[in-house]
Amino acid sequence: MKPGLSLRVSQHLSLTPQLQQSIQLLQLSTLELAQEVEQMLVDNPFLERDGDDAADVPMDAPAMEAATAESMGTSDNYSSESEYSSAQTASETIAEAPTAETPETLDWSGDGADGQDGEWGGESSSEWDGPSSSGSRKSDGDEETDAIDLAREHESLSDFLHRQALSLRLSAEDCAALRFLIESLNDDGYLEEPLADLAYSLACDDLEEREELEQRFAMALKLLQSLEPVGVGARDLAECLQLQLRDLIRLAEDEGTTAKHWDVLQLALSMCCQPMDLLARRDMRKLSSLCGAREEALREALALIARLEPRPGRRFVDVERHIVVPDVIVRPVRVGSGRMEFSVRLNTEVMPRLKVHDIYAGVLRRHKNSEGHAALQQRLQEARWFIKNIQQRFDTILRVSEAIVERQKNFFVHGELAMRPLVLRDIADALGLHESTISRVTTAKYMATPQGTFELKYFFGSGLGTETGGSASSTAVRALIKQFVDAEDTKKPLSDAKLADMLKEQGIECARRTVAKYREQLKIPTTTLRKAL
C-alpha cells in the first residue's frame, strides 16, 4: 500500500472545565448545591461567603503583603494543597485583626477591580444578599441544648421495650436473650430472622450451644410478645394480627362482653389463621367455607381486623422529615381591572452569598512576578468561574420557571383540572435551550405556588385527544379520575371501563388500560378492594 498525505476538515464539541462545571451545578438540587459550595469554600482560598467575619478586614498593606509574599514564596512549585495551606496561613493572620462591618452590597464582578455592580435577569445583585442556606450558625451551647431536646422528644421502639424489660425478673442469660431479640427487631416491630439463624450467628460450630440458644430465644420471644405495643415480636403479618386478637379476647374475658362481640372476636382470630391472601382478596366464599360462618358475620370480623395495627412499631419510627425548600416562589398579583397575574421570583434563602476574597486578589495583583503566581491566578479564575456559574444556574431556573408559569397560568388559578399539556421541547424552543438543559433544570427543583409546592417536572405532561380536536393534560385526566373515585358509591365502585366512559362523556378519549395505568399511579385500589363491606 502506497503511503500518502491528505487533509480532512471536521468539527467536534469540546467541553471546557467551565462548561462542565456549569452543567454539573445546573443539575444539582438545593441540598447538593449547598454541599458543593461548602466544599469549594474549603478548597479555594480566593472564594469566601459574603458576611464572613474574616472578610474585608482592615489591615495595613505591609503586613498583608508580607503574609501573602511569605505564602507565595515558601516553595518553587505549588500544588493545590500547598496553595491552600499558604492561603490559610494568611487567613489566620487576617482573622486576628479587628473586624469591620460587612458591606451590604454584593459585587459579582470578581475582585472588584472594575468597580461595577452587576445586573442579572432584571434583578439587582442585592437579591443575592439573602441569608445562605448554611450561613447561620449557633453557638456551642445552643447546639448542645438542641441535641438534648431532640433526644428527649423521641423514644425508639427498642428503648421503649428495654424500659419495660427492666420490670421483668429474669436471669442474666434470659435477660441477654431478650435484649438480643429486641435489638433484632425491624422498624415495624417484626422479628424477620428465624430463631435458628439468630442462634447460628452466635454459635456457628457448636451444635449443642446453638440448640440451647434457640430454646432461650423461644422463651424470650414469648416474653417479648407479651410487651407493649401488642403485636411486637411477630414473625409475619398473620402472627401480628393473631397476637392483637388474642389480647382483645383476654380483655373481653376479664372485663366481659356481649355474646355477639365474642363471636366476632373468635371468628376474626379464625380468619387470621387462614392464608393471608384470602383476606387481601376478600374472598368471602372461600373464607366462609374454611371458617364455617355466614358472609355477614365474616364482614363484621373483617371490619374488626381492618382496625388492627399491622405495624406495631409505626408510632416509634423516627421518620426523617424532608422539608422541601422551594427554589422559586410564585405569588398572585392583581393588576388593572382586577386581572390576576403571577410574579415569579427566586427564593433568596437558597442562594449562596459568595464573592472573591478582595484582599487576596489585590495582593496577588501586586505580586505578578512572584513565584507561584500562575498557579494562584488559576485558583482565582476558578473562584470567578464558580460564582458566575452559580449566577447562571439561578438565571436559567428563573427563565424556565417564568416560561412554565406563563403556559400553566390556569393551573395556578383553578388547580390540577386546568393543567395544560406541556413537554420539554415547548420550553426549550421558547427559550432557545436544549431539551437536556430543561430536563436538568426541572429535576429536583421546586416551585412554591398558591396551589402548593411542586417539582418543576410536575408541570409537564403528555396530552390526550379530545372530541373537539384539542388535547387534555394527563395530569388533569388523573385529577379527574381521582375526583370520580372520591364521589363514587362505595357499595358500587366504578370500574376502569366505567371511568373511561365517564371521561368520554367529558370529551376526553382515554382507553381503559390508560385509565388503569393512571389509577395505579394515583395508588387507587381496584374495585374489589374499594367496595364497602
Protein backbone atom coordinates (compact mmCIF):
# COMPACT_ATOMS: atom_id res chain seq x y z
CA MET A 1 0.00 0.00 0.00
CA LYS A 2 1.44 3.35 -1.03
CA PRO A 3 1.67 5.94 1.78
CA GLY A 4 0.26 9.42 1.23
CA LEU A 5 -0.82 12.65 2.89
CA SER A 6 -4.33 14.08 2.99
CA LEU A 7 -6.28 16.89 4.71
CA ARG A 8 -9.60 16.35 6.41
CA VAL A 9 -11.86 19.01 7.97
CA SER A 10 -14.10 18.01 10.91
CA GLN A 11 -15.99 19.61 13.76
CA HIS A 12 -16.33 18.43 17.33
CA LEU A 13 -17.61 19.85 20.57
CA SER A 14 -15.11 20.27 23.37
CA LEU A 15 -16.43 20.80 26.90
CA THR A 16 -14.22 23.23 28.76
CA PRO A 17 -13.84 22.84 32.53
CA GLN A 18 -16.00 25.93 32.99
CA LEU A 19 -18.81 24.47 30.85
CA GLN A 20 -18.56 21.12 32.64
CA GLN A 21 -18.91 22.86 35.98
CA SER A 22 -21.88 24.87 34.71
CA ILE A 23 -23.69 21.68 33.63
CA GLN A 24 -22.87 19.98 36.92
CA LEU A 25 -24.20 22.87 39.03
CA LEU A 26 -27.35 23.10 36.92
CA GLN A 27 -28.47 19.56 37.71
CA LEU A 28 -27.75 19.73 41.45
CA SER A 29 -30.57 20.00 43.96
CA THR A 30 -30.61 22.73 46.61
CA LEU A 31 -29.01 20.47 49.22
CA GLU A 32 -26.37 19.20 46.81
CA LEU A 33 -25.57 22.76 45.76
CA ALA A 34 -25.07 23.80 49.39
CA GLN A 35 -22.66 20.88 49.85
CA GLU A 36 -20.79 21.81 46.68
CA VAL A 37 -20.47 25.41 47.85
CA GLU A 38 -19.10 24.31 51.23
CA GLN A 39 -16.54 22.07 49.52
CA MET A 40 -15.46 24.87 47.18
CA LEU A 41 -15.07 27.26 50.13
CA VAL A 42 -12.71 24.76 51.70
CA ASP A 43 -10.72 24.04 48.53
CA ASN A 44 -10.34 27.56 47.10
CA PRO A 45 -8.85 30.27 49.36
CA PHE A 46 -9.93 33.03 46.95
CA LEU A 47 -13.60 32.20 47.46
CA GLU A 48 -15.47 33.33 50.54
CA ARG A 49 -19.02 33.75 51.74
CA ASP A 50 -20.18 37.33 51.83
CA GLY A 51 -20.60 38.20 55.50
CA ASP A 52 -17.80 36.05 56.93
CA ASP A 53 -16.06 37.61 59.91
CA ALA A 54 -12.71 37.41 58.18
CA ALA A 55 -13.93 39.19 55.08
CA ASP A 56 -12.99 42.78 54.26
CA VAL A 57 -10.99 43.17 57.45
CA PRO A 58 -8.89 46.34 57.55
CA MET A 59 -5.20 45.53 57.68
CA ASP A 60 -2.15 47.53 56.90
CA ALA A 61 -0.75 46.80 53.44
CA PRO A 62 2.81 45.89 54.54
CA ALA A 63 1.55 43.22 56.91
CA MET A 64 -0.82 41.82 54.28
CA GLU A 65 1.87 41.80 51.60
CA ALA A 66 4.34 40.16 53.94
CA ALA A 67 1.89 37.42 54.80
CA THR A 68 0.98 36.80 51.16
CA ALA A 69 4.53 37.05 49.90
CA GLU A 70 5.57 34.51 52.51
CA SER A 71 2.75 32.20 51.44
CA MET A 72 3.72 32.50 47.74
CA GLY A 73 7.42 32.12 48.34
CA THR A 74 7.61 29.05 50.53
CA SER A 75 8.25 26.67 47.62
CA ASP A 76 9.24 26.75 43.98
CA ASN A 77 6.41 24.54 42.72
CA TYR A 78 2.86 24.91 44.01
CA SER A 79 0.29 22.17 44.12
CA SER A 80 -3.30 22.90 45.03
CA GLU A 81 -2.74 21.68 48.58
CA SER A 82 0.26 23.91 49.19
CA GLU A 83 -1.57 26.91 47.76
CA TYR A 84 -4.48 26.25 50.07
CA SER A 85 -2.20 25.91 53.10
CA SER A 86 -0.48 29.19 52.29
CA ALA A 87 -3.77 30.97 51.91
CA GLN A 88 -4.98 29.54 55.20
CA THR A 89 -1.89 30.98 56.92
CA ALA A 90 -2.71 34.43 55.59
CA SER A 91 -6.34 33.99 56.51
CA GLU A 92 -5.41 33.24 60.12
CA THR A 93 -3.33 36.43 60.17
CA ILE A 94 -6.31 38.42 58.93
CA ALA A 95 -8.66 36.86 61.45
CA GLU A 96 -6.59 38.27 64.31
CA ALA A 97 -7.22 41.84 63.14
CA PRO A 98 -10.25 43.87 64.32
CA THR A 99 -13.45 43.11 62.41
CA ALA A 100 -15.35 45.65 60.38
CA GLU A 101 -18.87 45.90 59.10
CA THR A 102 -19.64 43.66 56.16
CA PRO A 103 -20.60 45.61 53.00
CA GLU A 104 -24.29 45.45 52.27
CA THR A 105 -23.96 45.08 48.50
CA LEU A 106 -22.59 42.04 46.73
CA ASP A 107 -20.14 42.59 43.89
CA TRP A 108 -20.39 39.86 41.25
CA SER A 109 -17.61 41.35 39.18
CA GLY A 110 -14.93 39.22 40.88
CA ASP A 111 -12.20 41.08 42.75
CA GLY A 112 -13.86 44.47 42.39
CA ALA A 113 -11.21 45.86 40.06
CA ASP A 114 -13.68 47.50 37.68
CA GLY A 115 -15.93 48.81 40.43
CA GLN A 116 -19.18 48.00 38.60
CA ASP A 117 -22.25 46.49 40.15
CA GLY A 118 -23.65 43.69 38.01
CA GLU A 119 -27.27 43.40 36.96
CA TRP A 120 -28.78 40.00 36.43
CA GLY A 121 -32.08 38.90 34.98
CA GLY A 122 -33.64 42.31 35.56
CA GLU A 123 -32.98 41.98 39.31
CA SER A 124 -30.40 43.83 41.29
CA SER A 125 -27.45 41.83 42.57
CA SER A 126 -28.62 42.70 46.05
CA GLU A 127 -31.13 39.86 45.68
CA TRP A 128 -28.21 37.57 46.25
CA ASP A 129 -27.73 39.09 49.68
CA GLY A 130 -30.35 36.80 51.19
CA PRO A 131 -29.26 34.55 54.03
CA SER A 132 -27.35 31.49 52.93
CA SER A 133 -28.83 28.06 53.45
CA SER A 134 -25.91 27.20 55.63
CA GLY A 135 -24.81 30.62 56.72
CA SER A 136 -26.43 30.80 60.14
CA ARG A 137 -24.62 29.01 62.94
CA LYS A 138 -25.45 28.54 66.56
CA SER A 139 -23.15 28.70 69.49
CA ASP A 140 -21.88 25.50 71.06
CA GLY A 141 -24.27 25.89 73.95
CA ASP A 142 -27.27 26.20 71.64
CA GLU A 143 -26.20 23.10 69.72
CA GLU A 144 -25.96 21.09 72.93
CA THR A 145 -29.38 22.29 74.05
CA ASP A 146 -30.94 21.39 70.71
CA ALA A 147 -29.37 17.93 70.79
CA ILE A 148 -30.75 17.28 74.28
CA ASP A 149 -34.21 18.49 73.30
CA LEU A 150 -34.23 16.27 70.22
CA ALA A 151 -33.15 13.27 72.27
CA ARG A 152 -35.97 13.85 74.74
CA GLU A 153 -38.60 14.29 72.06
CA HIS A 154 -38.25 10.82 70.55
CA GLU A 155 -38.14 7.37 72.13
CA SER A 156 -37.31 4.49 69.85
CA LEU A 157 -39.09 1.14 69.90
CA SER A 158 -36.05 -0.62 71.33
CA ASP A 159 -35.73 1.94 74.14
CA PHE A 160 -39.42 1.53 74.95
CA LEU A 161 -39.10 -2.28 75.08
CA HIS A 162 -35.87 -2.19 77.09
CA ARG A 163 -37.58 0.03 79.65
CA GLN A 164 -40.41 -2.49 80.00
CA ALA A 165 -37.94 -5.38 80.27
CA LEU A 166 -36.44 -3.78 83.38
CA SER A 167 -39.60 -4.71 85.30
CA LEU A 168 -39.18 -8.42 84.49
CA ARG A 169 -37.32 -10.63 86.92
CA LEU A 170 -35.06 -12.61 84.63
CA SER A 171 -31.78 -14.42 84.91
CA ALA A 172 -28.75 -12.90 83.29
CA GLU A 173 -28.97 -15.36 80.36
CA ASP A 174 -32.68 -14.77 79.74
CA CYS A 175 -32.21 -11.03 80.04
CA ALA A 176 -29.39 -11.13 77.47
CA ALA A 177 -31.55 -13.24 75.13
CA LEU A 178 -34.47 -10.79 75.42
CA ARG A 179 -32.19 -7.82 74.78
CA PHE A 180 -30.78 -9.58 71.73
CA LEU A 181 -34.24 -10.16 70.28
CA ILE A 182 -35.26 -6.56 70.94
CA GLU A 183 -32.23 -5.32 69.05
CA SER A 184 -33.04 -7.73 66.19
CA LEU A 185 -36.48 -6.19 65.51
CA ASN A 186 -37.03 -4.08 62.42
CA ASP A 187 -38.62 -0.62 62.49
CA ASP A 188 -42.12 -2.10 62.20
CA GLY A 189 -41.60 -4.30 65.28
CA TYR A 190 -41.24 -7.59 63.37
CA LEU A 191 -38.63 -10.28 64.04
CA GLU A 192 -37.71 -11.12 60.48
CA GLU A 193 -34.85 -13.58 61.11
CA PRO A 194 -35.72 -17.11 62.30
CA LEU A 195 -34.60 -18.05 65.79
CA ALA A 196 -32.35 -20.77 64.35
CA ASP A 197 -30.50 -18.19 62.25
CA LEU A 198 -30.06 -15.91 65.25
CA ALA A 199 -28.65 -18.78 67.27
CA TYR A 200 -26.34 -19.76 64.43
CA SER A 201 -24.97 -16.21 64.25
CA LEU A 202 -23.82 -16.51 67.88
CA ALA A 203 -22.62 -20.14 67.92
CA CYS A 204 -21.70 -21.23 64.44
CA ASP A 205 -19.90 -24.53 65.07
CA ASP A 206 -21.22 -25.68 68.44
CA LEU A 207 -24.43 -27.61 67.74
CA GLU A 208 -25.28 -28.11 71.43
CA GLU A 209 -24.84 -24.42 72.17
CA ARG A 210 -26.98 -23.47 69.17
CA GLU A 211 -29.83 -25.67 70.38
CA GLU A 212 -29.60 -24.17 73.87
CA LEU A 213 -29.61 -20.64 72.43
CA GLU A 214 -32.60 -21.43 70.25
CA GLN A 215 -34.56 -22.65 73.29
CA ARG A 216 -33.68 -19.50 75.23
CA PHE A 217 -34.71 -17.35 72.26
CA ALA A 218 -38.04 -19.18 72.09
CA MET A 219 -38.71 -18.37 75.76
CA ALA A 220 -37.51 -14.78 75.30
CA LEU A 221 -39.79 -14.40 72.27
CA LYS A 222 -42.85 -15.23 74.37
CA LEU A 223 -41.77 -12.57 76.86
CA LEU A 224 -41.18 -10.08 74.05
CA GLN A 225 -44.61 -10.71 72.55
CA SER A 226 -46.19 -10.00 75.94
CA LEU A 227 -44.83 -6.45 75.96
CA GLU A 228 -46.39 -3.29 74.57
CA PRO A 229 -47.18 -2.44 71.83
CA VAL A 230 -49.33 -5.50 71.24
CA GLY A 231 -48.12 -7.47 68.24
CA VAL A 232 -44.44 -6.64 68.63
CA GLY A 233 -42.08 -9.56 68.02
CA ALA A 234 -44.32 -11.19 65.40
CA ARG A 235 -42.62 -13.07 62.58
CA ASP A 236 -45.21 -12.13 59.95
CA LEU A 237 -48.45 -10.21 59.49
CA ALA A 238 -50.68 -13.17 60.36
CA GLU A 239 -48.95 -13.67 63.71
CA CYS A 240 -49.09 -9.92 64.41
CA LEU A 241 -52.86 -9.85 63.90
CA GLN A 242 -53.34 -13.04 65.92
CA LEU A 243 -51.41 -11.56 68.87
CA GLN A 244 -53.62 -8.48 68.87
CA LEU A 245 -56.82 -10.51 68.62
CA ARG A 246 -55.76 -12.83 71.46
CA ASP A 247 -55.08 -9.74 73.56
CA LEU A 248 -58.59 -8.44 72.78
CA ILE A 249 -60.03 -11.84 73.71
CA ARG A 250 -58.20 -11.75 77.06
CA LEU A 251 -59.57 -8.28 77.74
CA ALA A 252 -63.06 -9.49 76.84
CA GLU A 253 -62.71 -12.39 79.30
CA ASP A 254 -61.55 -10.07 82.08
CA GLU A 255 -63.98 -7.21 81.51
CA GLY A 256 -66.86 -9.12 79.96
CA THR A 257 -68.54 -8.53 76.61
CA THR A 258 -71.63 -9.45 74.61
CA ALA A 259 -72.01 -12.84 73.03
CA LYS A 260 -72.12 -11.27 69.57
CA HIS A 261 -68.85 -9.40 70.07
CA TRP A 262 -67.26 -12.55 71.48
CA ASP A 263 -68.27 -14.48 68.37
CA VAL A 264 -66.82 -11.75 66.15
CA LEU A 265 -63.51 -11.90 68.03
CA GLN A 266 -63.31 -15.68 67.70
CA LEU A 267 -64.23 -15.58 64.02
CA ALA A 268 -61.64 -12.86 63.33
CA LEU A 269 -58.97 -15.00 65.00
CA SER A 270 -60.01 -17.96 62.90
CA MET A 271 -59.82 -15.86 59.73
CA CYS A 272 -56.29 -14.68 60.58
CA CYS A 273 -55.23 -18.34 60.87
CA GLN A 274 -56.14 -18.81 57.19
CA PRO A 275 -53.86 -17.84 54.26
CA MET A 276 -53.49 -14.06 54.28
CA ASP A 277 -54.03 -13.76 50.53
CA LEU A 278 -57.67 -14.72 51.11
CA LEU A 279 -58.07 -11.71 53.40
CA ALA A 280 -56.25 -9.46 50.95
CA ARG A 281 -58.57 -10.51 48.11
CA ARG A 282 -61.63 -10.51 50.42
CA ASP A 283 -62.52 -13.94 49.12
CA MET A 284 -65.68 -14.32 51.21
CA ARG A 285 -66.77 -17.55 49.59
CA LYS A 286 -63.51 -19.35 50.40
CA LEU A 287 -63.30 -17.87 53.90
CA SER A 288 -66.88 -18.83 54.59
CA SER A 289 -66.08 -22.41 53.64
CA LEU A 290 -62.92 -22.58 55.75
CA CYS A 291 -64.30 -20.80 58.84
CA GLY A 292 -67.83 -22.24 58.68
CA ALA A 293 -69.51 -18.84 59.04
CA ARG A 294 -72.03 -16.80 57.10
CA GLU A 295 -70.86 -13.98 54.86
CA GLU A 296 -72.50 -11.31 57.03
CA ALA A 297 -70.55 -12.47 60.09
CA LEU A 298 -67.36 -12.59 58.02
CA ARG A 299 -67.83 -8.96 57.03
CA GLU A 300 -68.13 -7.88 60.69
CA ALA A 301 -64.98 -9.84 61.56
CA LEU A 302 -63.15 -8.36 58.58
CA ALA A 303 -64.11 -4.85 59.71
CA LEU A 304 -62.61 -5.65 63.12
CA ILE A 305 -59.38 -6.93 61.53
CA ALA A 306 -59.14 -3.75 59.46
CA ARG A 307 -58.94 -1.72 62.70
CA LEU A 308 -55.89 -3.63 63.96
CA GLU A 309 -52.34 -2.28 63.66
CA PRO A 310 -50.31 -4.14 61.01
CA ARG A 311 -47.13 -2.29 62.00
CA PRO A 312 -46.78 -2.19 65.81
CA GLY A 313 -43.61 -0.11 65.68
CA ARG A 314 -45.08 2.56 63.44
CA ARG A 315 -45.51 5.23 66.12
CA PHE A 316 -41.92 4.75 67.33
CA VAL A 317 -40.26 5.24 63.98
CA ASP A 318 -38.32 8.48 63.92
CA VAL A 319 -39.30 9.48 60.40
CA GLU A 320 -36.83 11.91 58.91
CA ARG A 321 -38.79 14.91 57.76
CA HIS A 322 -37.67 16.01 54.31
CA ILE A 323 -38.60 19.65 54.20
CA VAL A 324 -38.75 20.83 50.61
CA VAL A 325 -37.26 24.29 50.23
CA PRO A 326 -38.57 25.86 47.00
CA ASP A 327 -36.14 27.38 44.54
CA VAL A 328 -38.84 29.59 43.01
CA ILE A 329 -41.77 31.40 44.62
CA VAL A 330 -44.91 32.25 42.65
CA ARG A 331 -47.36 34.77 44.08
CA PRO A 332 -50.59 36.21 42.66
CA VAL A 333 -50.63 39.90 41.85
CA ARG A 334 -53.74 41.85 40.86
CA VAL A 335 -53.25 44.34 38.09
CA GLY A 336 -55.61 46.80 36.50
CA SER A 337 -59.31 45.87 36.10
CA GLY A 338 -58.94 43.09 38.64
CA ARG A 339 -56.96 40.85 36.29
CA MET A 340 -54.80 38.25 38.02
CA GLU A 341 -51.12 37.92 37.17
CA PHE A 342 -48.39 35.90 38.85
CA SER A 343 -44.99 37.17 39.91
CA VAL A 344 -42.08 34.71 39.73
CA ARG A 345 -39.01 35.29 41.84
CA LEU A 346 -36.14 33.25 43.16
CA ASN A 347 -36.04 32.17 46.77
CA THR A 348 -33.20 34.16 48.34
CA GLU A 349 -32.96 31.59 51.15
CA VAL A 350 -31.31 29.06 48.82
CA MET A 351 -28.94 31.49 47.11
CA PRO A 352 -25.38 31.23 48.42
CA ARG A 353 -23.78 34.61 49.04
CA LEU A 354 -20.30 34.28 47.56
CA LYS A 355 -17.60 36.65 46.43
CA VAL A 356 -13.91 36.70 45.64
CA HIS A 357 -11.62 37.49 48.58
CA ASP A 358 -10.77 41.12 47.78
CA ILE A 359 -7.61 41.28 49.91
CA TYR A 360 -6.13 38.09 48.47
CA ALA A 361 -6.98 39.17 44.92
CA GLY A 362 -5.50 42.64 45.47
CA VAL A 363 -2.23 41.30 46.89
CA LEU A 364 -1.99 38.80 44.03
CA ARG A 365 -2.23 41.66 41.50
CA ARG A 366 0.61 43.49 43.23
CA HIS A 367 2.86 40.40 43.13
CA LYS A 368 2.56 39.43 39.47
CA ASN A 369 6.20 38.40 39.23
CA SER A 370 6.24 36.28 42.38
CA GLU A 371 6.89 32.57 42.34
CA GLY A 372 3.75 30.52 42.12
CA HIS A 373 1.77 33.45 40.72
CA ALA A 374 0.41 31.47 37.77
CA ALA A 375 -0.95 28.69 39.99
CA LEU A 376 -2.65 31.14 42.36
CA GLN A 377 -4.01 33.12 39.41
CA GLN A 378 -5.63 29.92 38.18
CA ARG A 379 -7.31 29.41 41.55
CA LEU A 380 -8.58 32.99 41.44
CA GLN A 381 -10.04 32.37 37.99
CA GLU A 382 -11.70 29.18 39.27
CA ALA A 383 -13.36 31.19 42.03
CA ARG A 384 -14.71 33.69 39.49
CA TRP A 385 -15.97 30.85 37.27
CA PHE A 386 -17.73 29.24 40.20
CA ILE A 387 -19.54 32.46 41.13
CA LYS A 388 -20.53 33.09 37.51
CA ASN A 389 -21.79 29.52 37.04
CA ILE A 390 -23.95 29.73 40.17
CA GLN A 391 -25.35 33.00 38.90
CA GLN A 392 -26.09 31.40 35.54
CA ARG A 393 -27.72 28.40 37.26
CA PHE A 394 -30.28 30.55 39.07
CA ASP A 395 -30.75 32.70 35.97
CA THR A 396 -31.71 29.61 33.96
CA ILE A 397 -34.01 28.32 36.70
CA LEU A 398 -35.80 31.68 36.78
CA ARG A 399 -36.22 31.80 32.99
CA VAL A 400 -37.61 28.27 32.84
CA SER A 401 -39.95 28.95 35.76
CA GLU A 402 -41.30 32.09 34.15
CA ALA A 403 -41.98 30.16 30.93
CA ILE A 404 -43.78 27.41 32.87
CA VAL A 405 -45.96 29.91 34.76
CA GLU A 406 -46.83 31.68 31.54
CA ARG A 407 -48.07 28.43 29.95
CA GLN A 408 -49.76 26.95 33.02
CA LYS A 409 -51.44 30.12 34.28
CA ASN A 410 -54.83 28.40 34.56
CA PHE A 411 -53.38 25.81 36.92
CA PHE A 412 -52.38 28.47 39.45
CA VAL A 413 -55.97 29.75 39.45
CA HIS A 414 -58.12 26.64 39.13
CA GLY A 415 -55.85 23.73 40.13
CA GLU A 416 -54.98 20.38 38.53
CA LEU A 417 -58.09 20.15 36.36
CA ALA A 418 -56.90 23.21 34.42
CA MET A 419 -53.43 21.82 33.68
CA ARG A 420 -52.44 22.08 30.01
CA PRO A 421 -50.30 19.57 28.07
CA LEU A 422 -46.67 20.64 28.15
CA VAL A 423 -43.46 18.90 27.06
CA LEU A 424 -39.81 19.83 27.48
CA ARG A 425 -39.46 20.75 23.83
CA ASP A 426 -42.07 23.54 24.21
CA ILE A 427 -39.98 25.32 26.87
CA ALA A 428 -36.70 24.54 25.09
CA ASP A 429 -37.91 26.10 21.82
CA ALA A 430 -39.31 29.15 23.62
CA LEU A 431 -36.06 29.87 25.48
CA GLY A 432 -33.61 28.73 22.80
CA LEU A 433 -32.17 26.00 25.02
CA HIS A 434 -31.64 22.28 24.57
CA GLU A 435 -34.14 19.76 25.94
CA SER A 436 -31.43 18.22 28.11
CA THR A 437 -30.88 21.61 29.75
CA ILE A 438 -34.59 21.92 30.53
CA SER A 439 -34.54 18.40 31.95
CA ARG A 440 -31.64 19.28 34.27
CA VAL A 441 -33.34 22.49 35.38
CA THR A 442 -36.64 20.80 36.20
CA THR A 443 -35.14 17.89 38.16
CA ALA A 444 -35.07 18.31 41.97
CA LYS A 445 -36.04 21.99 41.68
CA TYR A 446 -39.25 23.09 43.40
CA MET A 447 -41.77 25.88 42.97
CA ALA A 448 -43.96 27.26 45.75
CA THR A 449 -47.36 28.22 44.31
CA PRO A 450 -50.82 29.16 45.63
CA GLN A 451 -51.79 25.52 44.94
CA GLY A 452 -48.86 24.07 46.90
CA THR A 453 -45.19 23.25 46.35
CA PHE A 454 -44.36 21.15 43.30
CA GLU A 455 -41.30 19.92 41.48
CA LEU A 456 -40.86 21.73 38.18
CA LYS A 457 -41.28 18.41 36.35
CA TYR A 458 -44.82 18.23 37.72
CA PHE A 459 -45.97 20.87 35.25
CA PHE A 460 -45.02 18.72 32.26
CA GLY A 461 -47.34 16.05 30.92
CA SER A 462 -48.40 14.42 27.70
CA GLY A 463 -51.70 15.23 26.05
CA LEU A 464 -54.77 13.10 25.39
CA GLY A 465 -57.02 13.76 22.42
CA THR A 466 -60.44 15.35 22.88
CA GLU A 467 -63.57 15.30 20.73
CA THR A 468 -63.03 18.92 19.74
CA GLY A 469 -59.63 18.11 18.27
CA GLY A 470 -57.66 19.62 21.14
CA SER A 471 -55.74 17.85 23.88
CA ALA A 472 -56.03 17.44 27.63
CA SER A 473 -53.11 17.10 30.01
CA SER A 474 -52.51 13.69 31.56
CA THR A 475 -52.22 15.47 34.93
CA ALA A 476 -55.72 16.91 34.50
CA VAL A 477 -57.06 13.49 33.49
CA ARG A 478 -55.59 11.89 36.60
CA ALA A 479 -57.15 14.61 38.75
CA LEU A 480 -60.50 13.97 37.05
CA ILE A 481 -60.24 10.22 37.70
CA LYS A 482 -59.49 10.89 41.37
CA GLN A 483 -62.50 13.20 41.53
CA PHE A 484 -64.75 10.49 40.06
CA VAL A 485 -63.47 7.87 42.53
CA ASP A 486 -63.88 10.18 45.52
CA ALA A 487 -67.52 10.76 44.59
CA GLU A 488 -68.38 7.13 43.78
CA ASP A 489 -70.81 4.93 45.68
CA THR A 490 -68.61 2.71 47.82
CA LYS A 491 -71.15 -0.11 47.53
CA LYS A 492 -70.84 0.01 43.73
CA PRO A 493 -67.33 1.32 42.93
CA LEU A 494 -66.54 2.45 39.42
CA SER A 495 -64.66 0.04 37.17
CA ASP A 496 -61.88 1.14 34.84
CA ALA A 497 -64.23 0.72 31.86
CA LYS A 498 -66.85 2.89 33.54
CA LEU A 499 -64.25 5.55 34.31
CA ALA A 500 -63.19 5.51 30.65
CA ASP A 501 -66.84 6.02 29.62
CA MET A 502 -67.20 8.92 32.07
CA LEU A 503 -64.08 10.55 30.65
CA LYS A 504 -65.51 10.13 27.16
CA GLU A 505 -68.63 11.93 28.29
CA GLN A 506 -66.33 14.82 29.26
CA GLY A 507 -64.93 14.78 25.73
CA ILE A 508 -61.63 13.02 26.62
CA GLU A 509 -60.61 9.95 24.63
CA CYS A 510 -58.94 7.63 27.16
CA ALA A 511 -58.67 3.85 26.79
CA ARG A 512 -59.48 1.50 29.67
CA ARG A 513 -55.85 0.35 30.02
CA THR A 514 -54.76 4.00 30.21
CA VAL A 515 -57.30 4.58 32.97
CA ALA A 516 -55.91 1.55 34.80
CA LYS A 517 -52.37 2.95 34.49
CA TYR A 518 -53.41 6.37 35.83
CA ARG A 519 -55.38 4.71 38.66
CA GLU A 520 -52.30 2.75 39.72
CA GLN A 521 -50.19 5.92 39.59
CA LEU A 522 -52.70 7.52 41.95
CA LYS A 523 -52.46 4.44 44.22
CA ILE A 524 -56.21 3.84 43.95
CA PRO A 525 -57.10 0.18 44.66
CA THR A 526 -59.18 -1.98 42.35
CA THR A 527 -62.97 -2.08 42.58
CA THR A 528 -62.83 -5.26 44.70
CA LEU A 529 -60.73 -3.57 47.37
CA ARG A 530 -62.69 -0.30 47.21
CA LYS A 531 -66.04 -1.97 47.68
CA ALA A 532 -67.54 -1.27 51.09
CA LEU A 533 -68.25 -4.24 53.35
